[in-house]
């Protein structure tokens, strides 16, 4: 049997690890980065197009406004959640 070193026992879990452990069983961990499904063909085509268009850098910290607006529209339409002004 493997015994954990005493110094390891005293190390606190990181906030990220605490968050993962607090998440429910239905949660999807996007931190690992290895999906268990094939990429849909339309997504592959969009990725190829983005690469051809030079979209090879990180996104802005606050995201793309078009995507943020689409998410708001989705929540309003499908989840009846209204945006606050």
PDB file of N, CA and C in Angstrom:
ATOM      1  N   UNK A   1       0.845  -1.179   0.000  1.00  0.00           N
ATOM      2  CA  UNK A   1       0.000   0.000   0.000  1.00  0.00           C
ATOM      3  C   UNK A   1       0.890   1.242   0.000  1.00  0.00           C
ATOM      4  N   UNK A   2       0.462   2.263  -0.745  1.00  0.00           N
ATOM      5  CA  UNK A   2       1.222   3.508  -0.836  1.00  0.00           C
ATOM      6  C   UNK A   2       0.764   4.442   0.282  1.00  0.00           C
ATOM      7  N   UNK A   3       1.737   5.012   0.990  1.00  0.00           N
ATOM      8  CA  UNK A   3       1.405   5.951   2.053  1.00  0.00           C
ATOM      9  C   UNK A   3       1.762   7.361   1.597  1.00  0.00           C
ATOM     10  N   UNK A   4       0.827   8.281   1.809  1.00  0.00           N
ATOM     11  CA  UNK A   4       1.037   9.680   1.405  1.00  0.00           C
ATOM     12  C   UNK A   4       1.982  10.348   2.395  1.00  0.00           C
ATOM     13  N   UNK A   5       2.955  11.095   1.865  1.00  0.00           N
ATOM     14  CA  UNK A   5       3.918  11.802   2.711  1.00  0.00           C
ATOM     15  C   UNK A   5       3.193  12.845   3.559  1.00  0.00           C
ATOM     16  N   UNK A   6       3.659  13.048   4.771  1.00  0.00           N
ATOM     17  CA  UNK A   6       3.037  14.006   5.684  1.00  0.00           C
ATOM     18  C   UNK A   6       2.992  15.409   5.097  1.00  0.00           C
ATOM     19  N   UNK A   7       4.054  15.826   4.417  1.00  0.00           N
ATOM     20  CA  UNK A   7       4.074  17.188   3.864  1.00  0.00           C
ATOM     21  C   UNK A   7       3.020  17.371   2.773  1.00  0.00           C
ATOM     22  N   UNK A   8       2.692  16.295   2.063  1.00  0.00           N
ATOM     23  CA  UNK A   8       1.649  16.377   1.037  1.00  0.00           C
ATOM     24  C   UNK A   8       0.276  16.509   1.683  1.00  0.00           C
ATOM     25  N   UNK A   9       0.093  15.850   2.810  1.00  0.00           N
ATOM     26  CA  UNK A   9      -1.198  15.910   3.510  1.00  0.00           C
ATOM     27  C   UNK A   9      -1.536  17.327   3.952  1.00  0.00           C
ATOM     28  N   UNK A  10      -0.526  18.165   4.162  1.00  0.00           N
ATOM     29  CA  UNK A  10      -0.772  19.516   4.670  1.00  0.00           C
ATOM     30  C   UNK A  10      -1.013  20.544   3.555  1.00  0.00           C
ATOM     31  N   UNK A  11      -0.888  20.143   2.308  1.00  0.00           N
ATOM     32  CA  UNK A  11      -1.093  21.080   1.194  1.00  0.00           C
ATOM     33  C   UNK A  11      -2.592  21.244   0.953  1.00  0.00           C
ATOM     34  N   UNK A  12      -3.051  22.487   0.983  1.00  0.00           N
ATOM     35  CA  UNK A  12      -4.465  22.755   0.717  1.00  0.00           C
ATOM     36  C   UNK A  12      -4.776  22.539  -0.749  1.00  0.00           C
ATOM     37  N   UNK A  13      -6.007  22.120  -1.032  1.00  0.00           N
ATOM     38  CA  UNK A  13      -6.455  21.992  -2.409  1.00  0.00           C
ATOM     39  C   UNK A  13      -6.559  23.376  -3.041  1.00  0.00           C
ATOM     40  N   UNK A  14      -6.246  23.467  -4.315  1.00  0.00           N
ATOM     41  CA  UNK A  14      -6.409  24.742  -5.015  1.00  0.00           C
ATOM     42  C   UNK A  14      -7.889  25.059  -5.153  1.00  0.00           C
ATOM     43  N   UNK A  15      -8.201  26.317  -5.404  1.00  0.00           N
ATOM     44  CA  UNK A  15      -9.597  26.717  -5.588  1.00  0.00           C
ATOM     45  C   UNK A  15     -10.215  26.005  -6.796  1.00  0.00           C
ATOM     46  N   UNK A  16      -9.416  25.811  -7.825  1.00  0.00           N
ATOM     47  CA  UNK A  16      -9.920  25.102  -9.008  1.00  0.00           C
ATOM     48  C   UNK A  16     -10.276  23.661  -8.646  1.00  0.00           C
ATOM     49  N   UNK A  17      -9.395  22.980  -7.921  1.00  0.00           N
ATOM     50  CA  UNK A  17      -9.674  21.606  -7.504  1.00  0.00           C
ATOM     51  C   UNK A  17     -10.906  21.553  -6.620  1.00  0.00           C
ATOM     52  N   UNK A  18     -11.071  22.507  -5.701  1.00  0.00           N
ATOM     53  CA  UNK A  18     -12.254  22.555  -4.840  1.00  0.00           C
ATOM     54  C   UNK A  18     -13.511  22.727  -5.684  1.00  0.00           C
ATOM     55  N   UNK A  19     -13.424  23.564  -6.719  1.00  0.00           N
ATOM     56  CA  UNK A  19     -14.565  23.783  -7.602  1.00  0.00           C
ATOM     57  C   UNK A  19     -14.934  22.481  -8.322  1.00  0.00           C
ATOM     58  N   UNK A  20     -13.931  21.761  -8.846  1.00  0.00           N
ATOM     59  CA  UNK A  20     -14.203  20.500  -9.530  1.00  0.00           C
ATOM     60  C   UNK A  20     -14.840  19.490  -8.592  1.00  0.00           C
ATOM     61  N   UNK A  21     -14.356  19.420  -7.380  1.00  0.00           N
ATOM     62  CA  UNK A  21     -14.891  18.452  -6.438  1.00  0.00           C
ATOM     63  C   UNK A  21     -16.296  18.818  -5.974  1.00  0.00           C
ATOM     64  N   UNK A  22     -16.623  20.124  -5.983  1.00  0.00           N
ATOM     65  CA  UNK A  22     -17.953  20.565  -5.572  1.00  0.00           C
ATOM     66  C   UNK A  22     -18.981  20.418  -6.688  1.00  0.00           C
ATOM     67  N   UNK A  23     -18.527  20.289  -7.918  1.00  0.00           N
ATOM     68  CA  UNK A  23     -19.436  20.175  -9.055  1.00  0.00           C
ATOM     69  C   UNK A  23     -20.199  18.862  -8.986  1.00  0.00           C
ATOM     70  N   UNK A  24     -21.423  18.899  -9.460  1.00  0.00           N
ATOM     71  CA  UNK A  24     -22.258  17.701  -9.457  1.00  0.00           C
ATOM     72  C   UNK A  24     -21.837  16.703 -10.520  1.00  0.00           C
ATOM     73  N   UNK A  25     -22.429  15.510 -10.456  1.00  0.00           N
ATOM     74  CA  UNK A  25     -22.088  14.453 -11.407  1.00  0.00           C
ATOM     75  C   UNK A  25     -22.472  14.814 -12.840  1.00  0.00           C
ATOM     76  N   UNK A  26     -23.460  15.685 -13.014  1.00  0.00           N
ATOM     77  CA  UNK A  26     -23.905  16.072 -14.353  1.00  0.00           C
ATOM     78  C   UNK A  26     -23.062  17.195 -14.942  1.00  0.00           C
ATOM     79  N   UNK A  27     -22.071  17.657 -14.198  1.00  0.00           N
ATOM     80  CA  UNK A  27     -21.219  18.741 -14.683  1.00  0.00           C
ATOM     81  C   UNK A  27     -20.266  18.225 -15.751  1.00  0.00           C
ATOM     82  N   UNK A  28     -19.912  19.106 -16.674  1.00  0.00           N
ATOM     83  CA  UNK A  28     -18.954  18.775 -17.716  1.00  0.00           C
ATOM     84  C   UNK A  28     -17.676  19.528 -17.423  1.00  0.00           C
ATOM     85  N   UNK A  29     -16.595  18.815 -17.232  1.00  0.00           N
ATOM     86  CA  UNK A  29     -15.301  19.415 -16.957  1.00  0.00           C
ATOM     87  C   UNK A  29     -14.648  19.785 -18.282  1.00  0.00           C
ATOM     88  N   UNK A  30     -14.532  21.061 -18.547  1.00  0.00           N
ATOM     89  CA  UNK A  30     -13.909  21.524 -19.772  1.00  0.00           C
ATOM     90  C   UNK A  30     -12.411  21.758 -19.597  1.00  0.00           C
ATOM     91  N   UNK A  31     -11.875  21.428 -18.431  1.00  0.00           N
ATOM     92  CA  UNK A  31     -10.473  21.678 -18.150  1.00  0.00           C
ATOM     93  C   UNK A  31      -9.531  20.635 -18.709  1.00  0.00           C
ATOM     94  N   UNK A  32     -10.019  19.452 -18.949  1.00  0.00           N
ATOM     95  CA  UNK A  32      -9.146  18.385 -19.412  1.00  0.00           C
ATOM     96  C   UNK A  32      -8.838  18.547 -20.892  1.00  0.00           C
ATOM     97  N   UNK A  33      -9.803  18.955 -21.681  1.00  0.00           N
ATOM     98  CA  UNK A  33      -9.573  19.242 -23.082  1.00  0.00           C
ATOM     99  C   UNK A  33      -9.616  18.043 -24.007  1.00  0.00           C
ATOM    100  N   UNK A  34     -10.049  16.908 -23.545  1.00  0.00           N
ATOM    101  CA  UNK A  34     -10.124  15.713 -24.388  1.00  0.00           C
ATOM    102  C   UNK A  34     -11.574  15.228 -24.437  1.00  0.00           C
ATOM    103  N   UNK A  35     -12.315  15.626 -25.487  1.00  0.00           N
ATOM    104  CA  UNK A  35     -13.720  15.207 -25.561  1.00  0.00           C
ATOM    105  C   UNK A  35     -13.845  13.707 -25.812  1.00  0.00           C
ATOM    106  N   UNK A  36     -14.969  13.148 -25.395  1.00  0.00           N
ATOM    107  CA  UNK A  36     -15.209  11.720 -25.611  1.00  0.00           C
ATOM    108  C   UNK A  36     -16.173  11.504 -26.771  1.00  0.00           C
ATOM    109  N   UNK A  37     -16.177  12.432 -27.725  1.00  0.00           N
ATOM    110  CA  UNK A  37     -17.043  12.329 -28.894  1.00  0.00           C
ATOM    111  C   UNK A  37     -16.306  12.932 -30.089  1.00  0.00           C
ATOM    112  N   UNK A  38     -16.738  12.542 -31.283  1.00  0.00           N
ATOM    113  CA  UNK A  38     -16.140  13.100 -32.496  1.00  0.00           C
ATOM    114  C   UNK A  38     -16.623  14.525 -32.712  1.00  0.00           C
ATOM    115  N   UNK A  39     -15.791  15.340 -33.315  1.00  0.00           N
ATOM    116  CA  UNK A  39     -16.178  16.715 -33.634  1.00  0.00           C
ATOM    117  C   UNK A  39     -17.169  16.671 -34.789  1.00  0.00           C
ATOM    118  N   UNK A  40     -18.328  17.337 -34.654  1.00  0.00           N
ATOM    119  CA  UNK A  40     -19.295  17.360 -35.751  1.00  0.00           C
ATOM    120  C   UNK A  40     -18.691  17.989 -37.008  1.00  0.00           C
ATOM    121  N   UNK A  41     -19.134  17.536 -38.173  1.00  0.00           N
ATOM    122  CA  UNK A  41     -18.563  17.976 -39.434  1.00  0.00           C
ATOM    123  C   UNK A  41     -18.656  19.492 -39.610  1.00  0.00           C
ATOM    124  N   UNK A  42     -19.784  20.098 -39.211  1.00  0.00           N
ATOM    125  CA  UNK A  42     -19.925  21.548 -39.376  1.00  0.00           C
ATOM    126  C   UNK A  42     -18.936  22.315 -38.504  1.00  0.00           C
ATOM    127  N   UNK A  43     -18.575  21.745 -37.361  1.00  0.00           N
ATOM    128  CA  UNK A  43     -17.591  22.379 -36.486  1.00  0.00           C
ATOM    129  C   UNK A  43     -16.198  22.257 -37.101  1.00  0.00           C
ATOM    130  N   UNK A  44     -15.895  21.097 -37.671  1.00  0.00           N
ATOM    131  CA  UNK A  44     -14.612  20.924 -38.353  1.00  0.00           C
ATOM    132  C   UNK A  44     -14.454  21.957 -39.471  1.00  0.00           C
ATOM    133  N   UNK A  45     -15.521  22.130 -40.262  1.00  0.00           N
ATOM    134  CA  UNK A  45     -15.455  23.098 -41.357  1.00  0.00           C
ATOM    135  C   UNK A  45     -15.258  24.519 -40.837  1.00  0.00           C
ATOM    136  N   UNK A  46     -15.940  24.851 -39.734  1.00  0.00           N
ATOM    137  CA  UNK A  46     -15.802  26.192 -39.149  1.00  0.00           C
ATOM    138  C   UNK A  46     -14.384  26.405 -38.620  1.00  0.00           C
ATOM    139  N   UNK A  47     -13.811  25.368 -38.021  1.00  0.00           N
ATOM    140  CA  UNK A  47     -12.431  25.466 -37.522  1.00  0.00           C
ATOM    141  C   UNK A  47     -11.469  25.689 -38.682  1.00  0.00           C
ATOM    142  N   UNK A  48     -11.646  24.916 -39.748  1.00  0.00           N
ATOM    143  CA  UNK A  48     -10.782  25.077 -40.919  1.00  0.00           C
ATOM    144  C   UNK A  48     -10.887  26.490 -41.487  1.00  0.00           C
ATOM    145  N   UNK A  49     -12.114  26.994 -41.577  1.00  0.00           N
ATOM    146  CA  UNK A  49     -12.316  28.340 -42.110  1.00  0.00           C
ATOM    147  C   UNK A  49     -11.655  29.385 -41.210  1.00  0.00           C
ATOM    148  N   UNK A  50     -11.808  29.228 -39.897  1.00  0.00           N
ATOM    149  CA  UNK A  50     -11.196  30.174 -38.962  1.00  0.00           C
ATOM    150  C   UNK A  50      -9.675  30.179 -39.106  1.00  0.00           C
ATOM    151  N   UNK A  51      -9.087  29.002 -39.272  1.00  0.00           N
ATOM    152  CA  UNK A  51      -7.633  28.924 -39.470  1.00  0.00           C
ATOM    153  C   UNK A  51      -7.230  29.609 -40.768  1.00  0.00           C
ATOM    154  N   UNK A  52      -7.991  29.351 -41.830  1.00  0.00           N
ATOM    155  CA  UNK A  52      -7.705  30.000 -43.115  1.00  0.00           C
ATOM    156  C   UNK A  52      -7.838  31.513 -43.023  1.00  0.00           C
ATOM    157  N   UNK A  53      -8.726  31.985 -42.141  1.00  0.00           N
ATOM    158  CA  UNK A  53      -8.949  33.427 -41.966  1.00  0.00           C
ATOM    159  C   UNK A  53      -7.951  34.049 -40.986  1.00  0.00           C
ATOM    160  N   UNK A  54      -7.031  33.246 -40.463  1.00  0.00           N
ATOM    161  CA  UNK A  54      -6.010  33.784 -39.565  1.00  0.00           C
ATOM    162  C   UNK A  54      -6.451  33.937 -38.122  1.00  0.00           C
ATOM    163  N   UNK A  55      -7.545  33.299 -37.755  1.00  0.00           N
ATOM    164  CA  UNK A  55      -8.041  33.377 -36.370  1.00  0.00           C
ATOM    165  C   UNK A  55      -7.252  32.393 -35.515  1.00  0.00           C
ATOM    166  N   UNK A  56      -6.018  32.756 -35.184  1.00  0.00           N
ATOM    167  CA  UNK A  56      -5.131  31.831 -34.483  1.00  0.00           C
ATOM    168  C   UNK A  56      -4.639  32.372 -33.141  1.00  0.00           C
ATOM    169  N   UNK A  57      -5.277  33.405 -32.635  1.00  0.00           N
ATOM    170  CA  UNK A  57      -4.854  34.020 -31.381  1.00  0.00           C
ATOM    171  C   UNK A  57      -5.927  33.814 -30.314  1.00  0.00           C
ATOM    172  N   UNK A  58      -5.558  34.082 -29.076  1.00  0.00           N
ATOM    173  CA  UNK A  58      -6.530  34.017 -27.996  1.00  0.00           C
ATOM    174  C   UNK A  58      -7.610  35.064 -28.215  1.00  0.00           C
ATOM    175  N   UNK A  59      -8.781  34.784 -27.670  1.00  0.00           N
ATOM    176  CA  UNK A  59      -9.880  35.745 -27.748  1.00  0.00           C
ATOM    177  C   UNK A  59      -9.630  36.890 -26.772  1.00  0.00           C
ATOM    178  N   UNK A  60     -10.340  38.011 -26.948  1.00  0.00           N
ATOM    179  CA  UNK A  60     -10.241  39.082 -25.950  1.00  0.00           C
ATOM    180  C   UNK A  60     -10.724  38.561 -24.584  1.00  0.00           C
ATOM    181  N   UNK A  61     -10.220  39.123 -23.501  1.00  0.00           N
ATOM    182  CA  UNK A  61     -10.611  38.675 -22.160  1.00  0.00           C
ATOM    183  C   UNK A  61     -12.110  38.718 -21.932  1.00  0.00           C
ATOM    184  N   UNK A  62     -12.774  39.717 -22.475  1.00  0.00           N
ATOM    185  CA  UNK A  62     -14.219  39.813 -22.257  1.00  0.00           C
ATOM    186  C   UNK A  62     -15.006  39.134 -23.377  1.00  0.00           C
ATOM    187  N   UNK A  63     -14.340  38.415 -24.251  1.00  0.00           N
ATOM    188  CA  UNK A  63     -15.013  37.653 -25.290  1.00  0.00           C
ATOM    189  C   UNK A  63     -15.377  38.499 -26.498  1.00  0.00           C
ATOM    190  N   UNK A  64     -15.943  37.827 -27.484  1.00  0.00           N
ATOM    191  CA  UNK A  64     -16.413  38.517 -28.684  1.00  0.00           C
ATOM    192  C   UNK A  64     -17.836  38.991 -28.452  1.00  0.00           C
ATOM    193  N   UNK A  65     -18.104  40.242 -28.784  1.00  0.00           N
ATOM    194  CA  UNK A  65     -19.424  40.825 -28.541  1.00  0.00           C
ATOM    195  C   UNK A  65     -20.511  40.043 -29.269  1.00  0.00           C
ATOM    196  N   UNK A  66     -20.226  39.566 -30.495  1.00  0.00           N
ATOM    197  CA  UNK A  66     -21.238  38.812 -31.239  1.00  0.00           C
ATOM    198  C   UNK A  66     -21.622  37.529 -30.508  1.00  0.00           C
ATOM    199  N   UNK A  67     -20.641  36.843 -29.940  1.00  0.00           N
ATOM    200  CA  UNK A  67     -20.923  35.622 -29.193  1.00  0.00           C
ATOM    201  C   UNK A  67     -21.669  35.935 -27.906  1.00  0.00           C
ATOM    202  N   UNK A  68     -21.264  36.982 -27.220  1.00  0.00           N
ATOM    203  CA  UNK A  68     -21.946  37.367 -25.982  1.00  0.00           C
ATOM    204  C   UNK A  68     -23.399  37.704 -26.251  1.00  0.00           C
ATOM    205  N   UNK A  69     -23.665  38.423 -27.350  1.00  0.00           N
ATOM    206  CA  UNK A  69     -25.047  38.773 -27.701  1.00  0.00           C
ATOM    207  C   UNK A  69     -25.849  37.528 -28.084  1.00  0.00           C
ATOM    208  N   UNK A  70     -25.218  36.585 -28.780  1.00  0.00           N
ATOM    209  CA  UNK A  70     -25.908  35.346 -29.150  1.00  0.00           C
ATOM    210  C   UNK A  70     -26.270  34.531 -27.916  1.00  0.00           C
ATOM    211  N   UNK A  71     -25.396  34.523 -26.926  1.00  0.00           N
ATOM    212  CA  UNK A  71     -25.684  33.799 -25.686  1.00  0.00           C
ATOM    213  C   UNK A  71     -26.848  34.452 -24.955  1.00  0.00           C
ATOM    214  N   UNK A  72     -26.865  35.779 -24.900  1.00  0.00           N
ATOM    215  CA  UNK A  72     -27.980  36.498 -24.272  1.00  0.00           C
ATOM    216  C   UNK A  72     -29.281  36.163 -24.994  1.00  0.00           C
ATOM    217  N   UNK A  73     -29.260  36.197 -26.328  1.00  0.00           N
ATOM    218  CA  UNK A  73     -30.462  35.865 -27.107  1.00  0.00           C
ATOM    219  C   UNK A  73     -30.934  34.451 -26.815  1.00  0.00           C
ATOM    220  N   UNK A  74     -29.997  33.511 -26.714  1.00  0.00           N
ATOM    221  CA  UNK A  74     -30.348  32.122 -26.422  1.00  0.00           C
ATOM    222  C   UNK A  74     -31.020  32.011 -25.058  1.00  0.00           C
ATOM    223  N   UNK A  75     -30.450  32.661 -24.047  1.00  0.00           N
ATOM    224  CA  UNK A  75     -31.043  32.583 -22.711  1.00  0.00           C
ATOM    225  C   UNK A  75     -32.412  33.246 -22.665  1.00  0.00           C
ATOM    226  N   UNK A  76     -32.581  34.335 -23.380  1.00  0.00           N
ATOM    227  CA  UNK A  76     -33.899  34.977 -23.420  1.00  0.00           C
ATOM    228  C   UNK A  76     -34.914  34.075 -24.117  1.00  0.00           C
ATOM    229  N   UNK A  77     -34.524  33.515 -25.252  1.00  0.00           N
ATOM    230  CA  UNK A  77     -35.428  32.707 -26.069  1.00  0.00           C
ATOM    231  C   UNK A  77     -35.729  31.347 -25.432  1.00  0.00           C
ATOM    232  N   UNK A  78     -34.700  30.616 -25.035  1.00  0.00           N
ATOM    233  CA  UNK A  78     -34.878  29.228 -24.611  1.00  0.00           C
ATOM    234  C   UNK A  78     -35.064  29.053 -23.115  1.00  0.00           C
ATOM    235  N   UNK A  79     -34.578  29.992 -22.316  1.00  0.00           N
ATOM    236  CA  UNK A  79     -34.607  29.829 -20.877  1.00  0.00           C
ATOM    237  C   UNK A  79     -35.425  30.899 -20.170  1.00  0.00           C
ATOM    238  N   UNK A  80     -36.016  31.818 -20.953  1.00  0.00           N
ATOM    239  CA  UNK A  80     -36.836  32.893 -20.396  1.00  0.00           C
ATOM    240  C   UNK A  80     -36.085  33.709 -19.336  1.00  0.00           C
ATOM    241  N   UNK A  81     -34.796  33.912 -19.570  1.00  0.00           N
ATOM    242  CA  UNK A  81     -33.974  34.731 -18.683  1.00  0.00           C
ATOM    243  C   UNK A  81     -33.739  36.045 -19.384  1.00  0.00           C
ATOM    244  N   UNK A  82     -34.191  37.119 -18.795  1.00  0.00           N
ATOM    245  CA  UNK A  82     -34.076  38.447 -19.408  1.00  0.00           C
ATOM    246  C   UNK A  82     -32.791  39.120 -18.949  1.00  0.00           C
ATOM    247  N   UNK A  83     -32.173  39.833 -19.881  1.00  0.00           N
ATOM    248  CA  UNK A  83     -30.938  40.538 -19.530  1.00  0.00           C
ATOM    249  C   UNK A  83     -31.262  41.751 -18.669  1.00  0.00           C
ATOM    250  N   UNK A  84     -30.328  42.068 -17.789  1.00  0.00           N
ATOM    251  CA  UNK A  84     -30.444  43.265 -16.971  1.00  0.00           C
ATOM    252  C   UNK A  84     -29.730  44.400 -17.657  1.00  0.00           C
ATOM    253  N   UNK A  85     -30.307  45.554 -17.585  1.00  0.00           N
ATOM    254  CA  UNK A  85     -29.676  46.729 -18.212  1.00  0.00           C
ATOM    255  C   UNK A  85     -28.934  47.558 -17.195  1.00  0.00           C
TER     256      UNK A  85
END
